[in-house]
Amino acid sequence: MISIEDFLKIDLRVAEVKHAEPHPNADKLLILKIDAGDGLEGRQIVAGIRNYYKPEELIGKKIVIVNNLAPAILRGVESQGMLLAAKDGDQVVVLTTEKDVKPGSRIQ
């Protein structure tokens, strides 16, 4: 269990997928270029969803990300956040917004 104070440290935001492509060095990873409403051009997230989504299916989707996760290098490519997804058996589903909201909108 974590406290509410710990949970509130997590900055969940809406981001729009602008571009998606297969990771050149990993069969299960996609590289997503995103707009998280923070003005950072070329921001990207590396996500292990390649077996479940084609890159073109993700373009324009409003996804939910962990915005303040420390960057990590995944198979030689920097990931600047984390996409949230649900796993149900063999199915993985990216979390999206029900209605259209601006990139950068905070999840509360």
N, C-alpha and C. Protein backbone atom coordinates (compact mmCIF):
# COMPACT_ATOMS: atom_id res chain seq x y z
N MET A 1 0.83 -1.17 0.00
CA MET A 1 0.00 0.00 0.00
C MET A 1 0.89 1.25 0.00
N ILE A 2 0.42 2.27 -0.72
CA ILE A 2 1.12 3.55 -0.70
C ILE A 2 0.18 4.61 -0.14
N SER A 3 0.76 5.66 0.32
CA SER A 3 -0.05 6.76 0.87
C SER A 3 -0.57 7.63 -0.28
N ILE A 4 -1.57 8.43 0.02
CA ILE A 4 -2.08 9.38 -0.97
C ILE A 4 -1.00 10.37 -1.37
N GLU A 5 -0.10 10.71 -0.44
CA GLU A 5 0.99 11.63 -0.75
C GLU A 5 1.92 11.02 -1.81
N ASP A 6 2.19 9.71 -1.68
CA ASP A 6 3.02 9.03 -2.69
C ASP A 6 2.31 9.01 -4.04
N PHE A 7 1.03 8.69 -4.04
CA PHE A 7 0.27 8.63 -5.28
C PHE A 7 0.23 9.99 -5.97
N LEU A 8 0.10 11.05 -5.21
CA LEU A 8 0.01 12.39 -5.79
C LEU A 8 1.32 12.85 -6.44
N LYS A 9 2.40 12.15 -6.18
CA LYS A 9 3.68 12.45 -6.84
C LYS A 9 3.68 12.04 -8.30
N ILE A 10 2.78 11.12 -8.67
CA ILE A 10 2.71 10.63 -10.05
C ILE A 10 1.93 11.64 -10.88
N ASP A 11 2.54 12.12 -11.93
CA ASP A 11 1.93 13.10 -12.83
C ASP A 11 1.37 12.38 -14.05
N LEU A 12 0.07 12.07 -14.01
CA LEU A 12 -0.59 11.40 -15.12
C LEU A 12 -1.17 12.47 -16.04
N ARG A 13 -0.87 12.36 -17.33
CA ARG A 13 -1.31 13.35 -18.31
C ARG A 13 -1.84 12.69 -19.57
N VAL A 14 -2.60 13.45 -20.32
CA VAL A 14 -3.04 13.05 -21.65
C VAL A 14 -1.96 13.47 -22.64
N ALA A 15 -1.65 12.57 -23.57
CA ALA A 15 -0.71 12.89 -24.64
C ALA A 15 -1.30 12.40 -25.96
N GLU A 16 -1.01 13.11 -27.02
CA GLU A 16 -1.47 12.69 -28.35
C GLU A 16 -0.31 12.05 -29.10
N VAL A 17 -0.57 10.89 -29.68
CA VAL A 17 0.45 10.20 -30.48
C VAL A 17 0.53 10.89 -31.84
N LYS A 18 1.69 11.42 -32.16
CA LYS A 18 1.91 12.12 -33.43
C LYS A 18 2.56 11.21 -34.48
N HIS A 19 3.36 10.27 -34.02
CA HIS A 19 4.08 9.36 -34.93
C HIS A 19 4.38 8.08 -34.16
N ALA A 20 4.37 6.97 -34.86
CA ALA A 20 4.71 5.69 -34.23
C ALA A 20 5.48 4.85 -35.24
N GLU A 21 6.49 4.14 -34.73
CA GLU A 21 7.29 3.28 -35.60
C GLU A 21 7.85 2.12 -34.79
N PRO A 22 8.14 1.01 -35.46
CA PRO A 22 8.75 -0.13 -34.76
C PRO A 22 10.15 0.25 -34.26
N HIS A 23 10.50 -0.25 -33.10
CA HIS A 23 11.86 -0.07 -32.57
C HIS A 23 12.79 -0.89 -33.45
N PRO A 24 13.91 -0.33 -33.90
CA PRO A 24 14.79 -1.07 -34.81
C PRO A 24 15.52 -2.24 -34.17
N ASN A 25 15.61 -2.26 -32.84
CA ASN A 25 16.39 -3.30 -32.16
C ASN A 25 15.57 -4.16 -31.20
N ALA A 26 14.23 -4.14 -31.34
CA ALA A 26 13.40 -4.92 -30.42
C ALA A 26 12.08 -5.29 -31.09
N ASP A 27 11.75 -6.55 -31.07
CA ASP A 27 10.55 -7.05 -31.73
C ASP A 27 9.25 -6.67 -31.03
N LYS A 28 9.30 -6.35 -29.74
CA LYS A 28 8.08 -6.08 -28.98
C LYS A 28 7.83 -4.60 -28.70
N LEU A 29 8.77 -3.74 -29.13
CA LEU A 29 8.68 -2.32 -28.77
C LEU A 29 8.29 -1.43 -29.95
N LEU A 30 7.52 -0.39 -29.64
CA LEU A 30 7.22 0.69 -30.57
C LEU A 30 7.79 1.98 -30.00
N ILE A 31 8.21 2.88 -30.88
CA ILE A 31 8.65 4.21 -30.49
C ILE A 31 7.53 5.17 -30.86
N LEU A 32 7.00 5.87 -29.87
CA LEU A 32 5.91 6.81 -30.09
C LEU A 32 6.41 8.23 -29.89
N LYS A 33 6.23 9.09 -30.88
CA LYS A 33 6.48 10.53 -30.73
C LYS A 33 5.17 11.12 -30.25
N ILE A 34 5.24 11.89 -29.16
CA ILE A 34 4.01 12.37 -28.53
C ILE A 34 4.02 13.87 -28.32
N ASP A 35 2.81 14.42 -28.20
CA ASP A 35 2.61 15.79 -27.76
C ASP A 35 1.95 15.68 -26.39
N ALA A 36 2.69 16.03 -25.34
CA ALA A 36 2.16 15.98 -23.98
C ALA A 36 1.80 17.37 -23.47
N GLY A 37 1.67 18.32 -24.39
CA GLY A 37 1.25 19.66 -24.03
C GLY A 37 2.31 20.48 -23.31
N ASP A 38 3.55 20.00 -23.32
CA ASP A 38 4.61 20.69 -22.59
C ASP A 38 5.56 21.44 -23.50
N GLY A 39 5.28 21.44 -24.81
CA GLY A 39 6.10 22.18 -25.75
C GLY A 39 7.41 21.52 -26.12
N LEU A 40 7.65 20.31 -25.63
CA LEU A 40 8.89 19.61 -25.95
C LEU A 40 8.74 18.91 -27.30
N GLU A 41 9.44 19.41 -28.30
CA GLU A 41 9.40 18.81 -29.64
C GLU A 41 10.19 17.50 -29.63
N GLY A 42 9.67 16.50 -30.29
CA GLY A 42 10.38 15.24 -30.43
C GLY A 42 10.35 14.35 -29.20
N ARG A 43 9.48 14.65 -28.25
CA ARG A 43 9.39 13.80 -27.06
C ARG A 43 8.90 12.41 -27.47
N GLN A 44 9.50 11.40 -26.87
CA GLN A 44 9.13 10.05 -27.27
C GLN A 44 9.00 9.11 -26.08
N ILE A 45 8.19 8.09 -26.31
CA ILE A 45 7.99 7.02 -25.35
C ILE A 45 8.23 5.71 -26.08
N VAL A 46 8.95 4.81 -25.45
CA VAL A 46 9.13 3.46 -25.98
C VAL A 46 8.20 2.56 -25.20
N ALA A 47 7.35 1.81 -25.92
CA ALA A 47 6.32 1.00 -25.26
C ALA A 47 6.32 -0.42 -25.82
N GLY A 48 6.11 -1.37 -24.94
CA GLY A 48 6.09 -2.79 -25.32
C GLY A 48 4.73 -3.24 -25.82
N ILE A 49 4.24 -2.59 -26.87
CA ILE A 49 2.89 -2.90 -27.37
C ILE A 49 2.90 -3.32 -28.84
N ARG A 50 4.05 -3.60 -29.39
CA ARG A 50 4.16 -3.90 -30.82
C ARG A 50 3.38 -5.15 -31.22
N ASN A 51 3.25 -6.11 -30.33
CA ASN A 51 2.50 -7.32 -30.65
C ASN A 51 0.99 -7.09 -30.64
N TYR A 52 0.55 -5.93 -30.19
CA TYR A 52 -0.88 -5.66 -30.02
C TYR A 52 -1.40 -4.53 -30.90
N TYR A 53 -0.50 -3.65 -31.34
CA TYR A 53 -0.90 -2.49 -32.14
C TYR A 53 0.05 -2.31 -33.32
N LYS A 54 -0.53 -1.93 -34.46
CA LYS A 54 0.27 -1.48 -35.59
C LYS A 54 0.53 0.00 -35.38
N PRO A 55 1.69 0.50 -35.79
CA PRO A 55 1.99 1.91 -35.56
C PRO A 55 0.90 2.85 -36.06
N GLU A 56 0.35 2.59 -37.24
CA GLU A 56 -0.66 3.51 -37.80
C GLU A 56 -1.96 3.54 -37.00
N GLU A 57 -2.23 2.51 -36.21
CA GLU A 57 -3.43 2.49 -35.36
C GLU A 57 -3.36 3.50 -34.22
N LEU A 58 -2.16 3.91 -33.86
CA LEU A 58 -1.97 4.77 -32.70
C LEU A 58 -1.94 6.26 -33.02
N ILE A 59 -1.70 6.60 -34.29
CA ILE A 59 -1.59 8.01 -34.67
C ILE A 59 -2.90 8.73 -34.34
N GLY A 60 -2.78 9.84 -33.62
CA GLY A 60 -3.94 10.65 -33.26
C GLY A 60 -4.64 10.24 -31.98
N LYS A 61 -4.29 9.07 -31.43
CA LYS A 61 -4.93 8.64 -30.19
C LYS A 61 -4.48 9.51 -29.03
N LYS A 62 -5.42 9.78 -28.12
CA LYS A 62 -5.11 10.48 -26.88
C LYS A 62 -4.89 9.40 -25.83
N ILE A 63 -3.65 9.25 -25.41
CA ILE A 63 -3.26 8.19 -24.48
C ILE A 63 -2.99 8.79 -23.10
N VAL A 64 -2.90 7.92 -22.11
CA VAL A 64 -2.57 8.34 -20.75
C VAL A 64 -1.12 7.94 -20.48
N ILE A 65 -0.33 8.91 -19.99
CA ILE A 65 1.08 8.65 -19.72
C ILE A 65 1.45 9.05 -18.30
N VAL A 66 2.53 8.43 -17.81
CA VAL A 66 3.20 8.91 -16.60
C VAL A 66 4.19 9.95 -17.11
N ASN A 67 3.90 11.20 -16.80
CA ASN A 67 4.63 12.33 -17.37
C ASN A 67 5.95 12.61 -16.68
N ASN A 68 6.06 12.27 -15.41
CA ASN A 68 7.26 12.65 -14.65
C ASN A 68 8.16 11.47 -14.31
N LEU A 69 8.10 10.42 -15.11
CA LEU A 69 8.99 9.28 -14.92
C LEU A 69 10.38 9.64 -15.45
N ALA A 70 11.41 9.28 -14.72
CA ALA A 70 12.77 9.57 -15.18
C ALA A 70 13.02 8.86 -16.51
N PRO A 71 13.70 9.53 -17.45
CA PRO A 71 14.01 8.90 -18.74
C PRO A 71 14.79 7.60 -18.55
N ALA A 72 14.55 6.67 -19.48
CA ALA A 72 15.26 5.38 -19.46
C ALA A 72 15.65 5.03 -20.89
N ILE A 73 16.73 4.29 -21.03
CA ILE A 73 17.17 3.83 -22.34
C ILE A 73 16.68 2.39 -22.51
N LEU A 74 15.87 2.17 -23.54
CA LEU A 74 15.33 0.83 -23.82
C LEU A 74 15.87 0.36 -25.16
N ARG A 75 16.77 -0.59 -25.10
CA ARG A 75 17.41 -1.15 -26.31
C ARG A 75 18.02 -0.05 -27.17
N GLY A 76 18.67 0.91 -26.50
CA GLY A 76 19.40 1.97 -27.20
C GLY A 76 18.60 3.20 -27.55
N VAL A 77 17.31 3.25 -27.19
CA VAL A 77 16.47 4.41 -27.50
C VAL A 77 15.92 4.98 -26.20
N GLU A 78 16.00 6.31 -26.05
CA GLU A 78 15.51 6.95 -24.83
C GLU A 78 13.99 7.00 -24.80
N SER A 79 13.42 6.63 -23.65
CA SER A 79 11.99 6.75 -23.41
C SER A 79 11.80 7.83 -22.35
N GLN A 80 10.92 8.80 -22.65
CA GLN A 80 10.73 9.97 -21.80
C GLN A 80 9.34 9.97 -21.18
N GLY A 81 8.98 8.88 -20.57
CA GLY A 81 7.67 8.72 -19.95
C GLY A 81 7.22 7.28 -20.09
N MET A 82 6.00 7.02 -19.66
CA MET A 82 5.46 5.66 -19.76
C MET A 82 3.99 5.72 -20.16
N LEU A 83 3.65 4.96 -21.16
CA LEU A 83 2.27 4.81 -21.59
C LEU A 83 1.57 3.84 -20.65
N LEU A 84 0.31 4.08 -20.34
CA LEU A 84 -0.45 3.17 -19.50
C LEU A 84 -1.33 2.28 -20.36
N ALA A 85 -1.37 1.01 -20.01
CA ALA A 85 -2.18 0.02 -20.74
C ALA A 85 -2.71 -1.00 -19.74
N ALA A 86 -3.79 -1.64 -20.12
CA ALA A 86 -4.37 -2.70 -19.29
C ALA A 86 -4.11 -4.04 -19.97
N LYS A 87 -3.82 -5.04 -19.17
CA LYS A 87 -3.61 -6.39 -19.70
C LYS A 87 -4.69 -7.30 -19.14
N ASP A 88 -5.35 -8.01 -20.05
CA ASP A 88 -6.41 -8.96 -19.71
C ASP A 88 -6.13 -10.25 -20.45
N GLY A 89 -5.51 -11.19 -19.77
CA GLY A 89 -5.11 -12.43 -20.45
C GLY A 89 -4.06 -12.13 -21.50
N ASP A 90 -4.38 -12.48 -22.75
CA ASP A 90 -3.45 -12.25 -23.86
C ASP A 90 -3.67 -10.91 -24.55
N GLN A 91 -4.60 -10.12 -24.06
CA GLN A 91 -4.95 -8.85 -24.68
C GLN A 91 -4.33 -7.69 -23.90
N VAL A 92 -3.77 -6.73 -24.64
CA VAL A 92 -3.25 -5.50 -24.04
C VAL A 92 -3.97 -4.34 -24.71
N VAL A 93 -4.51 -3.43 -23.90
CA VAL A 93 -5.28 -2.29 -24.41
C VAL A 93 -4.68 -1.00 -23.85
N VAL A 94 -4.33 -0.09 -24.74
CA VAL A 94 -3.79 1.21 -24.36
C VAL A 94 -4.92 2.04 -23.75
N LEU A 95 -4.65 2.69 -22.62
CA LEU A 95 -5.65 3.55 -22.01
C LEU A 95 -5.76 4.86 -22.79
N THR A 96 -6.99 5.20 -23.15
CA THR A 96 -7.26 6.42 -23.91
C THR A 96 -8.34 7.21 -23.19
N THR A 97 -8.61 8.40 -23.68
CA THR A 97 -9.65 9.24 -23.09
C THR A 97 -10.99 8.94 -23.74
N GLU A 98 -12.04 9.09 -22.96
CA GLU A 98 -13.40 8.87 -23.47
C GLU A 98 -13.82 9.99 -24.43
N LYS A 99 -13.44 11.22 -24.10
CA LYS A 99 -13.77 12.38 -24.92
C LYS A 99 -12.48 13.06 -25.34
N ASP A 100 -12.60 13.94 -26.32
CA ASP A 100 -11.44 14.66 -26.82
C ASP A 100 -11.02 15.73 -25.83
N VAL A 101 -9.79 15.62 -25.33
CA VAL A 101 -9.22 16.62 -24.43
C VAL A 101 -7.85 17.03 -24.95
N LYS A 102 -7.39 18.20 -24.53
CA LYS A 102 -6.12 18.72 -25.01
C LYS A 102 -4.94 17.91 -24.46
N PRO A 103 -3.89 17.73 -25.27
CA PRO A 103 -2.67 17.15 -24.75
C PRO A 103 -2.16 17.98 -23.58
N GLY A 104 -1.70 17.30 -22.57
CA GLY A 104 -1.21 17.96 -21.36
C GLY A 104 -2.24 18.01 -20.26
N SER A 105 -3.51 17.68 -20.58
CA SER A 105 -4.53 17.69 -19.54
C SER A 105 -4.14 16.70 -18.45
N ARG A 106 -4.27 17.15 -17.22
CA ARG A 106 -3.87 16.33 -16.08
C ARG A 106 -4.97 15.34 -15.71
N ILE A 107 -4.58 14.11 -15.42
CA ILE A 107 -5.50 13.08 -14.95
C ILE A 107 -5.64 13.28 -13.44
N GLN A 108 -6.90 13.40 -12.96
CA GLN A 108 -7.12 13.64 -11.55
C GLN A 108 -7.92 12.53 -10.94
